[in-house]
Amino acid sequence: MKVLIPTPLHSYTQGPEVEAHVPTLAEVLVDLERQFPGIRFRMIDEQDRMRPHIRFFVNRRIVRELGEPLGEHDEVAIVQALSGG
């Protein structure tokens, strides 16, 4: 499946898109961490929860649970909220 990486995390992946072949969103994050050490901590906190400024979308539908099942042809988009004033 295609995983779209937000611009602030391109320094880990060296680009906007990576491939994953795992059955759940949680396992996508484990796979990303294996390939790009340090990236998971930018999205998941110490209590294994999604950080408040990160959103995950599967096929353009927001996902709120890490156990979300995925299909081989799904597209996962990771979006990082911007803040400021």
Protein backbone atom coordinates (compact mmCIF):
# COMPACT_ATOMS: atom_id res chain seq x y z
CA MET A 1 0.00 0.00 0.00
CA LYS A 2 1.04 3.58 -0.51
CA VAL A 3 1.81 5.67 2.59
CA LEU A 4 1.88 9.43 2.09
CA ILE A 5 4.27 11.20 4.46
CA PRO A 6 3.75 14.83 5.56
CA THR A 7 6.41 17.35 4.51
CA PRO A 8 7.81 17.89 8.04
CA LEU A 9 8.74 14.18 8.17
CA HIS A 10 10.40 13.97 4.74
CA SER A 11 13.78 14.30 6.45
CA TYR A 12 13.23 10.74 7.73
CA THR A 13 11.93 9.18 4.52
CA GLN A 14 13.74 11.33 1.93
CA GLY A 15 10.46 11.83 0.10
CA PRO A 16 6.68 12.13 0.20
CA GLU A 17 5.72 8.48 -0.29
CA VAL A 18 6.75 5.03 0.94
CA GLU A 19 5.40 1.51 0.55
CA ALA A 20 4.14 -0.79 3.30
CA HIS A 21 2.76 -4.32 3.23
CA VAL A 22 1.15 -4.89 6.64
CA PRO A 23 -2.43 -5.56 7.82
CA THR A 24 -3.06 -2.70 10.31
CA LEU A 25 -2.26 0.96 10.82
CA ALA A 26 -0.28 0.09 13.98
CA GLU A 27 1.90 -2.24 11.93
CA VAL A 28 2.41 0.46 9.29
CA LEU A 29 3.93 2.62 12.02
CA VAL A 30 6.13 -0.24 13.24
CA ASP A 31 7.27 -0.84 9.66
CA LEU A 32 8.00 2.87 9.17
CA GLU A 33 10.05 2.87 12.39
CA ARG A 34 12.01 -0.15 11.17
CA GLN A 35 12.79 1.58 7.87
CA PHE A 36 13.21 5.12 9.24
CA PRO A 37 14.30 5.06 12.92
CA GLY A 38 12.76 7.86 15.00
CA ILE A 39 9.76 8.58 12.77
CA ARG A 40 7.15 6.76 14.90
CA PHE A 41 7.83 8.93 17.96
CA ARG A 42 6.89 11.98 15.89
CA MET A 43 3.38 10.52 15.43
CA ILE A 44 2.77 8.31 18.49
CA ASP A 45 3.38 9.34 22.12
CA GLU A 46 4.86 7.40 25.06
CA GLN A 47 1.42 5.99 25.95
CA ASP A 48 1.06 4.54 22.43
CA ARG A 49 -1.57 7.14 21.44
CA MET A 50 -1.76 9.27 18.33
CA ARG A 51 -0.26 12.68 18.94
CA PRO A 52 -2.90 15.47 18.87
CA HIS A 53 -1.36 17.22 15.85
CA ILE A 54 -1.27 14.08 13.68
CA ARG A 55 -4.19 12.67 11.68
CA PHE A 56 -4.30 9.39 9.79
CA PHE A 57 -6.51 8.84 6.76
CA VAL A 58 -7.16 5.56 4.96
CA ASN A 59 -8.61 6.06 1.49
CA ARG A 60 -9.46 9.68 2.47
CA ARG A 61 -11.40 8.55 5.57
CA ILE A 62 -10.12 9.66 8.98
CA VAL A 63 -8.96 6.83 11.22
CA ARG A 64 -8.85 7.16 14.99
CA GLU A 65 -7.74 3.65 16.00
CA LEU A 66 -4.30 2.15 15.45
CA GLY A 67 -5.86 -1.29 15.04
CA GLU A 68 -7.61 -0.19 11.82
CA PRO A 69 -7.37 -3.06 9.31
CA LEU A 70 -5.81 -2.25 5.95
CA GLY A 71 -5.96 -3.79 2.51
CA GLU A 72 -3.10 -4.21 0.07
CA HIS A 73 -4.48 -1.50 -2.24
CA ASP A 74 -5.38 1.05 0.45
CA GLU A 75 -3.75 4.46 0.64
CA VAL A 76 -2.66 5.75 4.03
CA ALA A 77 -2.14 9.51 4.35
CA ILE A 78 -0.46 10.96 7.41
CA VAL A 79 -1.33 14.61 7.95
CA GLN A 80 0.37 16.93 10.39
CA ALA A 81 -1.70 19.89 11.58
CA LEU A 82 -0.18 23.33 11.41
CA SER A 83 -0.47 25.81 14.22
CA GLY A 84 0.54 29.33 14.84
CA GLY A 85 -0.91 32.71 15.08
